[in-house]
Every structure is written in C-alpha cells, then in structure tokens.
Protein backbone atom coordinates (compact mmCIF):
# COMPACT_ATOMS: atom_id res chain seq x y z
CA UNK A 1 -21.55 -12.96 11.29
CA UNK A 2 -23.60 -10.18 9.68
CA UNK A 3 -23.62 -7.94 12.75
CA UNK A 4 -19.90 -8.27 13.49
CA UNK A 5 -17.64 -5.27 12.94
CA UNK A 6 -14.54 -6.56 11.16
CA UNK A 7 -12.64 -3.27 10.95
CA UNK A 8 -11.47 -2.84 14.55
CA UNK A 9 -11.02 0.83 15.43
CA UNK A 10 -10.62 1.84 11.77
CA UNK A 11 -13.13 4.42 10.56
CA UNK A 12 -15.03 3.34 7.45
CA UNK A 13 -16.15 6.04 5.03
CA UNK A 14 -18.84 4.84 2.64
CA UNK A 15 -19.27 6.78 -0.61
CA UNK A 16 -23.04 6.83 -0.99
CA UNK A 17 -26.04 9.08 -1.51
CA UNK A 18 -28.07 6.89 0.85
CA UNK A 19 -28.42 7.02 4.61
CA UNK A 20 -26.39 4.33 6.37
CA UNK A 21 -27.81 2.07 9.04
CA UNK A 22 -25.97 2.35 12.36
CA UNK A 23 -22.66 0.45 12.44
CA UNK A 24 -22.54 -2.58 14.72
CA UNK A 25 -21.38 -1.95 18.28
CA UNK A 26 -17.87 -0.53 18.29
CA UNK A 27 -18.02 0.41 14.60
CA UNK A 28 -17.41 3.78 13.01
CA UNK A 29 -19.07 4.03 9.58
CA UNK A 30 -19.78 7.39 7.94
CA UNK A 31 -21.58 8.24 4.70
CA UNK A 32 -19.57 10.60 2.47
CA UNK A 33 -20.13 12.02 -0.98
CA UNK A 34 -18.43 14.29 -3.46
CA UNK A 35 -15.60 14.19 -6.00
CA UNK A 36 -12.94 11.54 -5.42
CA UNK A 37 -10.37 14.20 -4.51
CA UNK A 38 -12.60 15.42 -1.64
CA UNK A 39 -13.30 11.86 -0.51
CA UNK A 40 -9.57 11.16 -0.31
CA UNK A 41 -9.00 14.33 1.77
CA UNK A 42 -11.73 13.20 4.19
CA UNK A 43 -10.32 9.67 4.32
CA UNK A 44 -6.79 10.94 5.03
CA UNK A 45 -8.12 13.06 7.89
CA UNK A 46 -9.93 10.03 9.33
CA UNK A 47 -6.96 7.66 8.81
CA UNK A 48 -4.23 9.85 10.23
CA UNK A 49 -0.93 8.24 9.29
CA UNK A 50 -2.49 4.92 8.17
CA UNK A 51 -2.97 3.74 4.59
CA UNK A 52 -6.25 4.25 2.75
CA UNK A 53 -8.25 1.49 1.10
CA UNK A 54 -10.68 2.13 -1.76
CA UNK A 55 -13.23 -0.59 -2.48
CA UNK A 56 -15.53 -1.03 -5.43
CA UNK A 57 -14.81 -0.85 -9.14
CA UNK A 58 -16.29 2.61 -9.69
CA UNK A 59 -14.49 4.25 -6.75
CA UNK A 60 -11.16 2.60 -7.60
CA UNK A 61 -11.55 3.63 -11.24
CA UNK A 62 -12.13 7.26 -10.17
CA UNK A 63 -9.04 7.09 -7.95
CA UNK A 64 -6.93 5.69 -10.79
CA UNK A 65 -8.11 8.34 -13.23
CA UNK A 66 -7.32 11.07 -10.67
CA UNK A 67 -3.81 9.67 -10.09
CA UNK A 68 -4.60 8.93 -6.42
CA UNK A 69 -3.92 5.16 -6.36
CA UNK A 70 -0.48 3.73 -5.54
CA UNK A 71 -1.33 0.03 -5.31
CA UNK A 72 -4.14 -2.29 -6.37
CA UNK A 73 -5.05 -5.51 -4.57
CA UNK A 74 -7.38 -7.28 -6.98
CA UNK A 75 -9.58 -10.21 -6.01
CA UNK A 76 -11.31 -11.51 -9.09
CA UNK A 77 -14.95 -12.45 -8.80
CA UNK A 78 -18.30 -11.21 -10.07
CA UNK A 79 -18.25 -7.56 -8.96
CA UNK A 80 -18.41 -4.38 -11.01
CA UNK A 81 -15.85 -4.48 -13.82
CA UNK A 82 -12.93 -2.29 -12.79
CA UNK A 83 -11.52 -1.42 -16.21
CA UNK A 84 -14.77 -0.45 -17.97
CA UNK A 85 -14.83 3.30 -18.41
CA UNK A 86 -11.28 3.93 -17.19
CA UNK A 87 -10.18 7.21 -18.82
CA UNK A 88 -6.41 7.26 -18.26
CA UNK A 89 -3.59 4.83 -18.90
CA UNK A 90 -1.99 3.37 -15.76
CA UNK A 91 1.25 1.40 -16.03
CA UNK A 92 1.10 -1.40 -13.47
CA UNK A 93 3.78 -3.68 -12.02
CA UNK A 94 2.24 -7.00 -10.90
CA UNK A 95 3.26 -9.30 -8.05
CA UNK A 96 2.69 -13.06 -8.50
CA UNK A 97 -0.95 -14.12 -8.03
CA UNK A 98 -2.06 -15.67 -4.72
CA UNK A 99 -4.75 -18.39 -4.82
CA UNK A 100 -7.44 -18.43 -2.12
CA UNK A 101 -10.14 -20.91 -1.12
CA UNK A 102 -13.17 -21.18 -3.37
CA UNK A 103 -11.16 -20.66 -6.55
CA UNK A 104 -10.51 -16.94 -5.97
CA UNK A 105 -7.27 -15.35 -7.14
CA UNK A 106 -5.77 -12.21 -5.64
CA UNK A 107 -3.27 -10.06 -7.51
CA UNK A 108 -1.37 -7.03 -6.20
CA UNK A 109 -0.25 -4.36 -8.65
CA UNK A 110 1.62 -1.13 -8.00
CA UNK A 111 1.09 1.93 -10.15
CA UNK A 112 4.38 2.80 -11.85
CA UNK A 113 5.01 6.53 -11.57
C-alpha cells in the first residue's frame, strides 16, 4: 500500500535537497541535509535511546568512512553499489546469510573495532 506508513511512531529523517511530500497520516518524515556527522546528531536526537538505521548506498558509505557504523544489514538487489567510492578500510564480521522470497539474500555484518 503506497500510502501506508510502515514506520509506526518512528521519526524518519530523509537526507535530501528536495522538498518532501507530506508523510501519510500518522507519519513523521523530515528532510535533512548536511555532513554525515551532523545528520547522525540529528538522528540521535530524534531517536532518543533507540538504534539508528541508515539506508542507501551513498549514505551508508559516508557513515562507514566516518566511523559511525556499527552493523550492516545488507539485502542484495539492484540498488546503488555500496562499496564503490568507499575511502576507508572496514573490517567486517559476517553472520550467516538469510534467504528471502524472490531470490533475495540478506547478510548482517558487524564492524570490527
């Protein structure tokens, strides 16, 4: 359902230079922009004590390069290539892959510190 809000009471911060359409009823979506460090500060303020979730290859890549990512949950498909342009080395510890319907595979990896 295109108009459904699937995030419950979680605020959604969208890194964009474009104006966002209104969120569906009950939704809280906000446009944000700036360096990844500032975006993370804003997201932590919005999330309180809950975990943060970065989505999109470019945003995740910026978070990895800035040392701000603890865990990756990768679902392989046809999106933006995550590793292209990554500047820093990140040692990852992988959990076993989990198959999903439609031939998708999901892999969780934790950044080794």
